[in-house]
PDB file of N, CA and C in Angstrom:
ATOM      1  N   MET A   1    -119.254  -1.293 126.028  1.00  0.00           N
ATOM      2  CA  MET A   1    -118.568  -2.223 126.929  1.00  0.00           C
ATOM      3  C   MET A   1    -117.086  -2.224 126.580  1.00  0.00           C
ATOM      4  N   ASP A   2    -116.190  -2.065 127.564  1.00  0.00           N
ATOM      5  CA  ASP A   2    -114.784  -2.123 127.283  1.00  0.00           C
ATOM      6  C   ASP A   2    -114.318  -3.580 127.224  1.00  0.00           C
ATOM      7  N   LEU A   3    -113.082  -3.805 126.774  1.00  0.00           N
ATOM      8  CA  LEU A   3    -112.581  -5.179 126.556  1.00  0.00           C
ATOM      9  C   LEU A   3    -112.503  -5.959 127.848  1.00  0.00           C
ATOM     10  N   ARG A   4    -112.150  -5.302 128.938  1.00  0.00           N
ATOM     11  CA  ARG A   4    -112.073  -6.010 130.237  1.00  0.00           C
ATOM     12  C   ARG A   4    -113.459  -6.584 130.584  1.00  0.00           C
ATOM     13  N   ASP A   5    -114.486  -5.776 130.490  1.00  0.00           N
ATOM     14  CA  ASP A   5    -115.834  -6.260 130.781  1.00  0.00           C
ATOM     15  C   ASP A   5    -116.317  -7.323 129.772  1.00  0.00           C
ATOM     16  N   TYR A   6    -115.964  -7.100 128.508  1.00  0.00           N
ATOM     17  CA  TYR A   6    -116.339  -8.073 127.465  1.00  0.00           C
ATOM     18  C   TYR A   6    -115.799  -9.436 127.804  1.00  0.00           C
ATOM     19  N   PHE A   7    -114.507  -9.548 128.063  1.00  0.00           N
ATOM     20  CA  PHE A   7    -113.903 -10.840 128.343  1.00  0.00           C
ATOM     21  C   PHE A   7    -114.334 -11.428 129.685  1.00  0.00           C
ATOM     22  N   ASP A   8    -114.660 -10.588 130.628  1.00  0.00           N
ATOM     23  CA  ASP A   8    -115.161 -11.114 131.924  1.00  0.00           C
ATOM     24  C   ASP A   8    -116.554 -11.685 131.805  1.00  0.00           C
ATOM     25  N   GLN A   9    -117.352 -11.147 130.873  1.00  0.00           N
ATOM     26  CA  GLN A   9    -118.760 -11.527 130.774  1.00  0.00           C
ATOM     27  C   GLN A   9    -119.129 -12.432 129.631  1.00  0.00           C
ATOM     28  N   THR A  10    -118.179 -12.694 128.712  1.00  0.00           N
ATOM     29  CA  THR A  10    -118.487 -13.460 127.506  1.00  0.00           C
ATOM     30  C   THR A  10    -117.760 -14.779 127.508  1.00  0.00           C
ATOM     31  N   SER A  11    -118.486 -15.811 127.227  1.00  0.00           N
ATOM     32  CA  SER A  11    -117.849 -17.134 127.134  1.00  0.00           C
ATOM     33  C   SER A  11    -117.499 -17.442 125.683  1.00  0.00           C
ATOM     34  N   GLY A  12    -116.477 -18.234 125.509  1.00  0.00           N
ATOM     35  CA  GLY A  12    -116.041 -18.625 124.176  1.00  0.00           C
ATOM     36  C   GLY A  12    -114.646 -19.223 124.206  1.00  0.00           C
ATOM     37  N   ARG A  13    -114.044 -19.310 123.046  1.00  0.00           N
ATOM     38  CA  ARG A  13    -112.699 -19.873 122.915  1.00  0.00           C
ATOM     39  C   ARG A  13    -111.783 -18.894 122.197  1.00  0.00           C
ATOM     40  N   GLY A  14    -110.498 -18.926 122.586  1.00  0.00           N
ATOM     41  CA  GLY A  14    -109.551 -18.036 121.946  1.00  0.00           C
ATOM     42  C   GLY A  14    -108.377 -18.772 121.351  1.00  0.00           C
ATOM     43  N   ILE A  15    -107.820 -18.170 120.290  1.00  0.00           N
ATOM     44  CA  ILE A  15    -106.660 -18.712 119.609  1.00  0.00           C
ATOM     45  C   ILE A  15    -105.623 -17.593 119.534  1.00  0.00           C
ATOM     46  N   LEU A  16    -104.405 -17.894 119.969  1.00  0.00           N
ATOM     47  CA  LEU A  16    -103.314 -16.943 119.880  1.00  0.00           C
ATOM     48  C   LEU A  16    -102.384 -17.414 118.780  1.00  0.00           C
ATOM     49  N   ALA A  17    -102.182 -16.526 117.815  1.00  0.00           N
ATOM     50  CA  ALA A  17    -101.299 -16.852 116.671  1.00  0.00           C
ATOM     51  C   ALA A  17    -100.024 -16.067 116.806  1.00  0.00           C
ATOM     52  N   THR A  18     -98.916 -16.722 116.644  1.00  0.00           N
ATOM     53  CA  THR A  18     -97.582 -16.124 116.705  1.00  0.00           C
ATOM     54  C   THR A  18     -96.777 -16.613 115.546  1.00  0.00           C
ATOM     55  N   ALA A  19     -95.605 -16.007 115.329  1.00  0.00           N
ATOM     56  CA  ALA A  19     -94.687 -16.443 114.280  1.00  0.00           C
ATOM     57  C   ALA A  19     -93.284 -16.252 114.823  1.00  0.00           C
ATOM     58  N   ASN A  20     -92.362 -17.103 114.381  1.00  0.00           N
ATOM     59  CA  ASN A  20     -90.965 -16.942 114.810  1.00  0.00           C
ATOM     60  C   ASN A  20     -90.293 -15.863 113.970  1.00  0.00           C
ATOM     61  N   ALA A  21     -89.026 -15.706 114.164  1.00  0.00           N
ATOM     62  CA  ALA A  21     -88.268 -14.653 113.473  1.00  0.00           C
ATOM     63  C   ALA A  21     -88.236 -14.845 111.983  1.00  0.00           C
ATOM     64  N   THR A  22     -88.368 -16.073 111.494  1.00  0.00           N
ATOM     65  CA  THR A  22     -88.349 -16.343 110.046  1.00  0.00           C
ATOM     66  C   THR A  22     -89.760 -16.382 109.457  1.00  0.00           C
ATOM     67  N   GLY A  23     -90.783 -16.174 110.275  1.00  0.00           N
ATOM     68  CA  GLY A  23     -92.160 -16.116 109.783  1.00  0.00           C
ATOM     69  C   GLY A  23     -92.928 -17.389 109.878  1.00  0.00           C
ATOM     70  N   LYS A  24     -92.372 -18.453 110.423  1.00  0.00           N
ATOM     71  CA  LYS A  24     -93.116 -19.699 110.568  1.00  0.00           C
ATOM     72  C   LYS A  24     -94.195 -19.499 111.628  1.00  0.00           C
ATOM     73  N   VAL A  25     -95.451 -19.753 111.245  1.00  0.00           N
ATOM     74  CA  VAL A  25     -96.622 -19.433 112.058  1.00  0.00           C
ATOM     75  C   VAL A  25     -96.976 -20.582 113.007  1.00  0.00           C
ATOM     76  N   ASN A  26     -97.506 -20.203 114.153  1.00  0.00           N
ATOM     77  CA  ASN A  26     -98.038 -21.144 115.119  1.00  0.00           C
ATOM     78  C   ASN A  26     -99.382 -20.605 115.634  1.00  0.00           C
ATOM     79  N   ALA A  27    -100.313 -21.474 115.906  1.00  0.00           N
ATOM     80  CA  ALA A  27    -101.599 -21.072 116.512  1.00  0.00           C
ATOM     81  C   ALA A  27    -101.886 -22.047 117.675  1.00  0.00           C
ATOM     82  N   ALA A  28    -102.349 -21.489 118.792  1.00  0.00           N
ATOM     83  CA  ALA A  28    -102.601 -22.316 119.964  1.00  0.00           C
ATOM     84  C   ALA A  28    -103.887 -21.827 120.636  1.00  0.00           C
ATOM     85  N   LEU A  29    -104.633 -22.787 121.180  1.00  0.00           N
ATOM     86  CA  LEU A  29    -105.802 -22.417 121.992  1.00  0.00           C
ATOM     87  C   LEU A  29    -105.301 -21.680 123.243  1.00  0.00           C
ATOM     88  N   TYR A  30    -105.939 -20.572 123.578  1.00  0.00           N
ATOM     89  CA  TYR A  30    -105.509 -19.766 124.697  1.00  0.00           C
ATOM     90  C   TYR A  30    -106.671 -19.254 125.489  1.00  0.00           C
ATOM     91  N   ALA A  31    -106.486 -19.078 126.762  1.00  0.00           N
ATOM     92  CA  ALA A  31    -107.496 -18.502 127.640  1.00  0.00           C
ATOM     93  C   ALA A  31    -107.738 -17.056 127.286  1.00  0.00           C
ATOM     94  N   ARG A  32    -108.810 -16.502 127.778  1.00  0.00           N
ATOM     95  CA  ARG A  32    -109.102 -15.110 127.600  1.00  0.00           C
ATOM     96  C   ARG A  32    -108.011 -14.260 128.235  1.00  0.00           C
ATOM     97  N   PRO A  33    -107.723 -13.091 127.658  1.00  0.00           N
ATOM     98  CA  PRO A  33    -106.700 -12.224 128.243  1.00  0.00           C
ATOM     99  C   PRO A  33    -107.198 -11.530 129.528  1.00  0.00           C
ATOM    100  N   TYR A  34    -106.272 -11.142 130.318  1.00  0.00           N
ATOM    101  CA  TYR A  34    -106.518 -10.332 131.507  1.00  0.00           C
ATOM    102  C   TYR A  34    -106.083  -8.924 131.111  1.00  0.00           C
ATOM    103  N   PHE A  35    -106.854  -7.900 131.500  1.00  0.00           N
ATOM    104  CA  PHE A  35    -106.529  -6.504 131.131  1.00  0.00           C
ATOM    105  C   PHE A  35    -106.097  -5.721 132.361  1.00  0.00           C
ATOM    106  N   THR A  36    -104.905  -5.114 132.247  1.00  0.00           N
ATOM    107  CA  THR A  36    -104.401  -4.255 133.345  1.00  0.00           C
ATOM    108  C   THR A  36    -104.929  -2.826 133.177  1.00  0.00           C
ATOM    109  N   ASP A  37    -105.229  -2.447 131.942  1.00  0.00           N
ATOM    110  CA  ASP A  37    -105.857  -1.162 131.616  1.00  0.00           C
ATOM    111  C   ASP A  37    -106.557  -1.308 130.268  1.00  0.00           C
ATOM    112  N   GLU A  38    -107.048  -0.247 129.692  1.00  0.00           N
ATOM    113  CA  GLU A  38    -107.825  -0.350 128.459  1.00  0.00           C
ATOM    114  C   GLU A  38    -107.037  -0.779 127.231  1.00  0.00           C
ATOM    115  N   THR A  39    -105.695  -0.693 127.291  1.00  0.00           N
ATOM    116  CA  THR A  39    -104.905  -1.019 126.123  1.00  0.00           C
ATOM    117  C   THR A  39    -103.854  -2.102 126.354  1.00  0.00           C
ATOM    118  N   THR A  40    -103.827  -2.720 127.539  1.00  0.00           N
ATOM    119  CA  THR A  40    -102.827  -3.709 127.856  1.00  0.00           C
ATOM    120  C   THR A  40    -103.440  -5.028 128.240  1.00  0.00           C
ATOM    121  N   ALA A  41    -103.255  -6.029 127.350  1.00  0.00           N
ATOM    122  CA  ALA A  41    -103.757  -7.403 127.579  1.00  0.00           C
ATOM    123  C   ALA A  41    -102.574  -8.216 128.126  1.00  0.00           C
ATOM    124  N   VAL A  42    -102.878  -9.109 129.064  1.00  0.00           N
ATOM    125  CA  VAL A  42    -101.854  -9.957 129.676  1.00  0.00           C
ATOM    126  C   VAL A  42    -102.276 -11.403 129.457  1.00  0.00           C
ATOM    127  N   PHE A  43    -101.293 -12.232 129.086  1.00  0.00           N
ATOM    128  CA  PHE A  43    -101.484 -13.675 128.918  1.00  0.00           C
ATOM    129  C   PHE A  43    -100.508 -14.398 129.799  1.00  0.00           C
ATOM    130  N   ILE A  44    -100.937 -15.553 130.315  1.00  0.00           N
ATOM    131  CA  ILE A  44    -100.032 -16.470 131.013  1.00  0.00           C
ATOM    132  C   ILE A  44     -99.533 -17.434 129.956  1.00  0.00           C
ATOM    133  N   MET A  45     -98.212 -17.517 129.807  1.00  0.00           N
ATOM    134  CA  MET A  45     -97.623 -18.396 128.805  1.00  0.00           C
ATOM    135  C   MET A  45     -96.747 -19.414 129.434  1.00  0.00           C
ATOM    136  N   ALA A  46     -96.948 -20.654 129.022  1.00  0.00           N
ATOM    137  CA  ALA A  46     -96.042 -21.728 129.441  1.00  0.00           C
ATOM    138  C   ALA A  46     -94.819 -21.722 128.577  1.00  0.00           C
ATOM    139  N   GLU A  47     -93.798 -22.384 129.013  1.00  0.00           N
ATOM    140  CA  GLU A  47     -92.546 -22.456 128.269  1.00  0.00           C
ATOM    141  C   GLU A  47     -92.711 -23.472 127.117  1.00  0.00           C
ATOM    142  N   ARG A  48     -93.356 -22.955 126.078  1.00  0.00           N
ATOM    143  CA  ARG A  48     -93.673 -23.769 124.879  1.00  0.00           C
ATOM    144  C   ARG A  48     -93.430 -22.926 123.657  1.00  0.00           C
ATOM    145  N   LEU A  49     -93.906 -23.377 122.496  1.00  0.00           N
ATOM    146  CA  LEU A  49     -93.620 -22.743 121.217  1.00  0.00           C
ATOM    147  C   LEU A  49     -94.151 -21.305 121.144  1.00  0.00           C
ATOM    148  N   THR A  50     -95.328 -21.039 121.624  1.00  0.00           N
ATOM    149  CA  THR A  50     -95.870 -19.680 121.548  1.00  0.00           C
ATOM    150  C   THR A  50     -94.958 -18.702 122.287  1.00  0.00           C
ATOM    151  N   HIS A  51     -94.536 -19.072 123.460  1.00  0.00           N
ATOM    152  CA  HIS A  51     -93.620 -18.216 124.236  1.00  0.00           C
ATOM    153  C   HIS A  51     -92.291 -18.053 123.531  1.00  0.00           C
ATOM    154  N   GLU A  52     -91.793 -19.117 122.974  1.00  0.00           N
ATOM    155  CA  GLU A  52     -90.551 -19.068 122.226  1.00  0.00           C
ATOM    156  C   GLU A  52     -90.665 -18.107 121.039  1.00  0.00           C
ATOM    157  N   ASN A  53     -91.779 -18.145 120.350  1.00  0.00           N
ATOM    158  CA  ASN A  53     -91.989 -17.240 119.205  1.00  0.00           C
ATOM    159  C   ASN A  53     -91.969 -15.757 119.605  1.00  0.00           C
ATOM    160  N   VAL A  54     -92.616 -15.407 120.691  1.00  0.00           N
ATOM    161  CA  VAL A  54     -92.661 -13.988 121.064  1.00  0.00           C
ATOM    162  C   VAL A  54     -91.321 -13.486 121.604  1.00  0.00           C
ATOM    163  N   GLN A  55     -90.379 -14.374 121.816  1.00  0.00           N
ATOM    164  CA  GLN A  55     -89.024 -13.937 122.192  1.00  0.00           C
ATOM    165  C   GLN A  55     -88.326 -13.335 120.973  1.00  0.00           C
ATOM    166  N   SER A  56     -88.565 -13.889 119.780  1.00  0.00           N
ATOM    167  CA  SER A  56     -87.862 -13.394 118.585  1.00  0.00           C
ATOM    168  C   SER A  56     -88.763 -12.505 117.722  1.00  0.00           C
ATOM    169  N   ASN A  57     -90.083 -12.563 117.927  1.00  0.00           N
ATOM    170  CA  ASN A  57     -91.013 -11.746 117.137  1.00  0.00           C
ATOM    171  C   ASN A  57     -92.138 -11.308 118.099  1.00  0.00           C
ATOM    172  N   PRO A  58     -92.176 -10.061 118.460  1.00  0.00           N
ATOM    173  CA  PRO A  58     -93.113  -9.597 119.489  1.00  0.00           C
ATOM    174  C   PRO A  58     -94.575  -9.464 119.038  1.00  0.00           C
ATOM    175  N   TRP A  59     -94.838  -9.647 117.744  1.00  0.00           N
ATOM    176  CA  TRP A  59     -96.198  -9.462 117.210  1.00  0.00           C
ATOM    177  C   TRP A  59     -97.018 -10.739 117.274  1.00  0.00           C
ATOM    178  N   ALA A  60     -98.299 -10.588 117.576  1.00  0.00           N
ATOM    179  CA  ALA A  60     -99.221 -11.745 117.688  1.00  0.00           C
ATOM    180  C   ALA A  60    -100.618 -11.273 117.383  1.00  0.00           C
ATOM    181  N   ALA A  61    -101.510 -12.227 117.142  1.00  0.00           N
ATOM    182  CA  ALA A  61    -102.952 -11.923 116.948  1.00  0.00           C
ATOM    183  C   ALA A  61    -103.729 -12.902 117.818  1.00  0.00           C
ATOM    184  N   TYR A  62    -104.763 -12.384 118.446  1.00  0.00           N
ATOM    185  CA  TYR A  62    -105.654 -13.202 119.292  1.00  0.00           C
ATOM    186  C   TYR A  62    -107.047 -13.136 118.710  1.00  0.00           C
ATOM    187  N   LEU A  63    -107.601 -14.289 118.417  1.00  0.00           N
ATOM    188  CA  LEU A  63    -108.974 -14.392 117.887  1.00  0.00           C
ATOM    189  C   LEU A  63    -109.839 -15.079 118.918  1.00  0.00           C
ATOM    190  N   PHE A  64    -110.921 -14.404 119.305  1.00  0.00           N
ATOM    191  CA  PHE A  64    -111.852 -14.951 120.284  1.00  0.00           C
ATOM    192  C   PHE A  64    -113.205 -15.141 119.635  1.00  0.00           C
ATOM    193  N   MET A  65    -113.732 -16.363 119.700  1.00  0.00           N
ATOM    194  CA  MET A  65    -115.021 -16.655 119.124  1.00  0.00           C
ATOM    195  C   MET A  65    -116.019 -16.966 120.266  1.00  0.00           C
ATOM    196  N   GLU A  66    -117.100 -16.199 120.280  1.00  0.00           N
ATOM    197  CA  GLU A  66    -118.112 -16.354 121.314  1.00  0.00           C
ATOM    198  C   GLU A  66    -118.819 -17.708 121.155  1.00  0.00           C
ATOM    199  N   THR A  67    -119.233 -18.258 122.290  1.00  0.00           N
ATOM    200  CA  THR A  67    -120.033 -19.487 122.299  1.00  0.00           C
ATOM    201  C   THR A  67    -121.383 -19.146 121.699  1.00  0.00           C
ATOM    202  N   GLY A  68    -121.898 -20.035 120.858  1.00  0.00           N
ATOM    203  CA  GLY A  68    -123.208 -19.784 120.278  1.00  0.00           C
ATOM    204  C   GLY A  68    -123.277 -20.178 118.792  1.00  0.00           C
ATOM    205  N   GLU A  69    -124.389 -19.912 118.215  1.00  0.00           N
ATOM    206  CA  GLU A  69    -124.645 -20.283 116.819  1.00  0.00           C
ATOM    207  C   GLU A  69    -124.039 -19.290 115.820  1.00  0.00           C
ATOM    208  N   SER A  70    -123.932 -18.026 116.193  1.00  0.00           N
ATOM    209  CA  SER A  70    -123.460 -17.026 115.238  1.00  0.00           C
ATOM    210  C   SER A  70    -121.942 -16.874 115.280  1.00  0.00           C
ATOM    211  N   TYR A  71    -121.408 -16.198 114.318  1.00  0.00           N
ATOM    212  CA  TYR A  71    -119.967 -15.987 114.247  1.00  0.00           C
ATOM    213  C   TYR A  71    -119.659 -14.608 114.793  1.00  0.00           C
ATOM    214  N   GLN A  72    -119.550 -14.506 116.113  1.00  0.00           N
ATOM    215  CA  GLN A  72    -119.259 -13.249 116.747  1.00  0.00           C
ATOM    216  C   GLN A  72    -118.073 -13.408 117.650  1.00  0.00           C
ATOM    217  N   GLY A  73    -117.347 -12.337 117.863  1.00  0.00           N
ATOM    218  CA  GLY A  73    -116.184 -12.379 118.736  1.00  0.00           C
ATOM    219  C   GLY A  73    -115.350 -11.148 118.582  1.00  0.00           C
ATOM    220  N   LYS A  74    -114.097 -11.277 118.949  1.00  0.00           N
ATOM    221  CA  LYS A  74    -113.143 -10.161 118.925  1.00  0.00           C
ATOM    222  C   LYS A  74    -111.821 -10.623 118.308  1.00  0.00           C
ATOM    223  N   ARG A  75    -111.157  -9.685 117.685  1.00  0.00           N
ATOM    224  CA  ARG A  75    -109.810  -9.924 117.158  1.00  0.00           C
ATOM    225  C   ARG A  75    -108.897  -8.852 117.733  1.00  0.00           C
ATOM    226  N   LEU A  76    -107.796  -9.268 118.336  1.00  0.00           N
ATOM    227  CA  LEU A  76    -106.856  -8.316 118.917  1.00  0.00           C
ATOM    228  C   LEU A  76    -105.503  -8.479 118.222  1.00  0.00           C
ATOM    229  N   TYR A  77    -104.932  -7.375 117.823  1.00  0.00           N
ATOM    230  CA  TYR A  77    -103.588  -7.374 117.272  1.00  0.00           C
ATOM    231  C   TYR A  77    -102.659  -6.917 118.400  1.00  0.00           C
ATOM    232  N   LEU A  78    -101.643  -7.690 118.682  1.00  0.00           N
ATOM    233  CA  LEU A  78    -100.854  -7.523 119.899  1.00  0.00           C
ATOM    234  C   LEU A  78     -99.381  -7.323 119.596  1.00  0.00           C
ATOM    235  N   LYS A  79     -98.719  -6.625 120.516  1.00  0.00           N
ATOM    236  CA  LYS A  79     -97.244  -6.506 120.498  1.00  0.00           C
ATOM    237  C   LYS A  79     -96.755  -6.702 121.915  1.00  0.00           C
ATOM    238  N   LYS A  80     -95.808  -7.581 122.117  1.00  0.00           N
ATOM    239  CA  LYS A  80     -95.236  -7.835 123.420  1.00  0.00           C
ATOM    240  C   LYS A  80     -94.474  -6.591 123.890  1.00  0.00           C
ATOM    241  N   ILE A  81     -94.807  -6.121 125.076  1.00  0.00           N
ATOM    242  CA  ILE A  81     -94.093  -4.961 125.639  1.00  0.00           C
ATOM    243  C   ILE A  81     -93.328  -5.301 126.912  1.00  0.00           C
ATOM    244  N   LYS A  82     -93.675  -6.446 127.521  1.00  0.00           N
ATOM    245  CA  LYS A  82     -93.052  -6.783 128.796  1.00  0.00           C
ATOM    246  C   LYS A  82     -93.285  -8.261 129.086  1.00  0.00           C
ATOM    247  N   GLU A  83     -92.398  -8.815 129.907  1.00  0.00           N
ATOM    248  CA  GLU A  83     -92.546 -10.209 130.318  1.00  0.00           C
ATOM    249  C   GLU A  83     -91.899 -10.321 131.699  1.00  0.00           C
ATOM    250  N   GLU A  84     -92.524 -11.161 132.535  1.00  0.00           N
ATOM    251  CA  GLU A  84     -91.884 -11.452 133.820  1.00  0.00           C
ATOM    252  C   GLU A  84     -92.278 -12.857 134.277  1.00  0.00           C
ATOM    253  N   GLN A  85     -91.439 -13.391 135.126  1.00  0.00           N
ATOM    254  CA  GLN A  85     -91.674 -14.687 135.748  1.00  0.00           C
ATOM    255  C   GLN A  85     -92.022 -14.417 137.211  1.00  0.00           C
ATOM    256  N   ASN A  86     -93.288 -14.620 137.565  1.00  0.00           N
ATOM    257  CA  ASN A  86     -93.777 -14.260 138.900  1.00  0.00           C
ATOM    258  C   ASN A  86     -94.950 -15.193 139.241  1.00  0.00           C
ATOM    259  N   GLU A  87     -94.683 -16.207 140.009  1.00  0.00           N
ATOM    260  CA  GLU A  87     -95.721 -17.199 140.328  1.00  0.00           C
ATOM    261  C   GLU A  87     -96.907 -16.604 141.081  1.00  0.00           C
ATOM    262  N   GLN A  88     -96.676 -15.632 141.911  1.00  0.00           N
ATOM    263  CA  GLN A  88     -97.799 -15.006 142.651  1.00  0.00           C
ATOM    264  C   GLN A  88     -98.702 -14.245 141.676  1.00  0.00           C
ATOM    265  N   LEU A  89     -98.088 -13.527 140.719  1.00  0.00           N
ATOM    266  CA  LEU A  89     -98.860 -12.808 139.733  1.00  0.00           C
ATOM    267  C   LEU A  89     -99.620 -13.778 138.808  1.00  0.00           C
ATOM    268  N   VAL A  90     -99.002 -14.873 138.470  1.00  0.00           N
ATOM    269  CA  VAL A  90     -99.679 -15.919 137.667  1.00  0.00           C
ATOM    270  C   VAL A  90    -100.918 -16.380 138.412  1.00  0.00           C
ATOM    271  N   SER A  91    -100.803 -16.658 139.698  1.00  0.00           N
ATOM    272  CA  SER A  91    -101.939 -17.108 140.521  1.00  0.00           C
ATOM    273  C   SER A  91    -103.010 -16.042 140.615  1.00  0.00           C
ATOM    274  N   ASP A  92    -102.599 -14.789 140.756  1.00  0.00           N
ATOM    275  CA  ASP A  92    -103.588 -13.696 140.884  1.00  0.00           C
ATOM    276  C   ASP A  92    -104.356 -13.478 139.600  1.00  0.00           C
ATOM    277  N   ILE A  93    -103.721 -13.637 138.436  1.00  0.00           N
ATOM    278  CA  ILE A  93    -104.353 -13.400 137.133  1.00  0.00           C
ATOM    279  C   ILE A  93    -105.135 -14.569 136.649  1.00  0.00           C
ATOM    280  N   CYS A  94    -104.628 -15.747 136.859  1.00  0.00           N
ATOM    281  CA  CYS A  94    -105.198 -16.946 136.253  1.00  0.00           C
ATOM    282  C   CYS A  94    -106.600 -17.240 136.737  1.00  0.00           C
ATOM    283  N   ARG A  95    -107.535 -17.351 135.813  1.00  0.00           N
ATOM    284  CA  ARG A  95    -108.919 -17.639 136.162  1.00  0.00           C
ATOM    285  C   ARG A  95    -109.138 -19.088 136.526  1.00  0.00           C
ATOM    286  N   LYS A  96    -108.807 -19.940 135.586  1.00  0.00           N
ATOM    287  CA  LYS A  96    -109.029 -21.388 135.764  1.00  0.00           C
ATOM    288  C   LYS A  96    -107.830 -22.177 135.260  1.00  0.00           C
ATOM    289  N   CYS A  97    -106.646 -21.703 135.569  1.00  0.00           N
ATOM    290  CA  CYS A  97    -105.449 -22.349 135.028  1.00  0.00           C
ATOM    291  C   CYS A  97    -105.316 -23.772 135.592  1.00  0.00           C
ATOM    292  N   ASP A  98    -105.152 -24.682 134.708  1.00  0.00           N
ATOM    293  CA  ASP A  98    -104.878 -26.062 135.088  1.00  0.00           C
ATOM    294  C   ASP A  98    -103.786 -26.587 134.167  1.00  0.00           C
ATOM    295  N   TYR A  99    -102.560 -26.492 134.632  1.00  0.00           N
ATOM    296  CA  TYR A  99    -101.437 -26.978 133.824  1.00  0.00           C
ATOM    297  C   TYR A  99    -101.045 -28.403 134.222  1.00  0.00           C
ATOM    298  N   SER A 100    -101.893 -29.065 134.977  1.00  0.00           N
ATOM    299  CA  SER A 100    -101.548 -30.405 135.494  1.00  0.00           C
ATOM    300  C   SER A 100    -101.338 -31.436 134.399  1.00  0.00           C
ATOM    301  N   TYR A 101    -102.001 -31.257 133.267  1.00  0.00           N
ATOM    302  CA  TYR A 101    -101.862 -32.227 132.210  1.00  0.00           C
ATOM    303  C   TYR A 101    -100.700 -31.927 131.271  1.00  0.00           C
ATOM    304  N   TYR A 102     -99.950 -30.855 131.521  1.00  0.00           N
ATOM    305  CA  TYR A 102     -98.745 -30.522 130.787  1.00  0.00           C
ATOM    306  C   TYR A 102     -97.546 -30.773 131.663  1.00  0.00           C
ATOM    307  N   ASP A 103     -96.437 -31.052 131.044  1.00  0.00           N
ATOM    308  CA  ASP A 103     -95.177 -31.162 131.749  1.00  0.00           C
ATOM    309  C   ASP A 103     -94.508 -29.772 131.728  1.00  0.00           C
ATOM    310  N   ILE A 104     -95.059 -28.836 132.523  1.00  0.00           N
ATOM    311  CA  ILE A 104     -94.600 -27.451 132.475  1.00  0.00           C
ATOM    312  C   ILE A 104     -94.249 -27.001 133.889  1.00  0.00           C
ATOM    313  N   ASN A 105     -93.074 -26.470 134.024  1.00  0.00           N
ATOM    314  CA  ASN A 105     -92.629 -25.932 135.300  1.00  0.00           C
ATOM    315  C   ASN A 105     -92.636 -24.418 135.318  1.00  0.00           C
ATOM    316  N   THR A 106     -92.306 -23.824 134.171  1.00  0.00           N
ATOM    317  CA  THR A 106     -92.117 -22.385 134.104  1.00  0.00           C
ATOM    318  C   THR A 106     -93.286 -21.709 133.362  1.00  0.00           C
ATOM    319  N   LYS A 107     -93.818 -20.687 133.987  1.00  0.00           N
ATOM    320  CA  LYS A 107     -94.902 -19.897 133.386  1.00  0.00           C
ATOM    321  C   LYS A 107     -94.501 -18.407 133.407  1.00  0.00           C
ATOM    322  N   TYR A 108     -94.893 -17.702 132.362  1.00  0.00           N
ATOM    323  CA  TYR A 108     -94.534 -16.310 132.215  1.00  0.00           C
ATOM    324  C   TYR A 108     -95.777 -15.441 132.120  1.00  0.00           C
ATOM    325  N   VAL A 109     -95.666 -14.244 132.642  1.00  0.00           N
ATOM    326  CA  VAL A 109     -96.704 -13.206 132.524  1.00  0.00           C
ATOM    327  C   VAL A 109     -96.228 -12.316 131.384  1.00  0.00           C
ATOM    328  N   VAL A 110     -96.947 -12.317 130.265  1.00  0.00           N
ATOM    329  CA  VAL A 110     -96.521 -11.621 129.044  1.00  0.00           C
ATOM    330  C   VAL A 110     -97.567 -10.609 128.659  1.00  0.00           C
TER     331      VAL A 110
END
């Protein structure tokens, strides 16, 4: 099973870990990634600390833990290669995005 199929078919929770230019680490709960091909994962990022970190340090790690009793999941090591601000693309990619409880106006496709 490729990663696109895995994330489409598997339920669980994900954590995206980033660090700023000086190495200060941040971890945030994140939705499953969207895959444009076998090697490119896309995340929708709000204008918050995680997005700020990838501006100065393109490296990140994503840990996904499957729902259930056992400790199974996936770990992805990531490097930012592109970013754009495109509300239509955000809508097309977003599975169940609900930013209503955040005070967020700007979202990025990273």
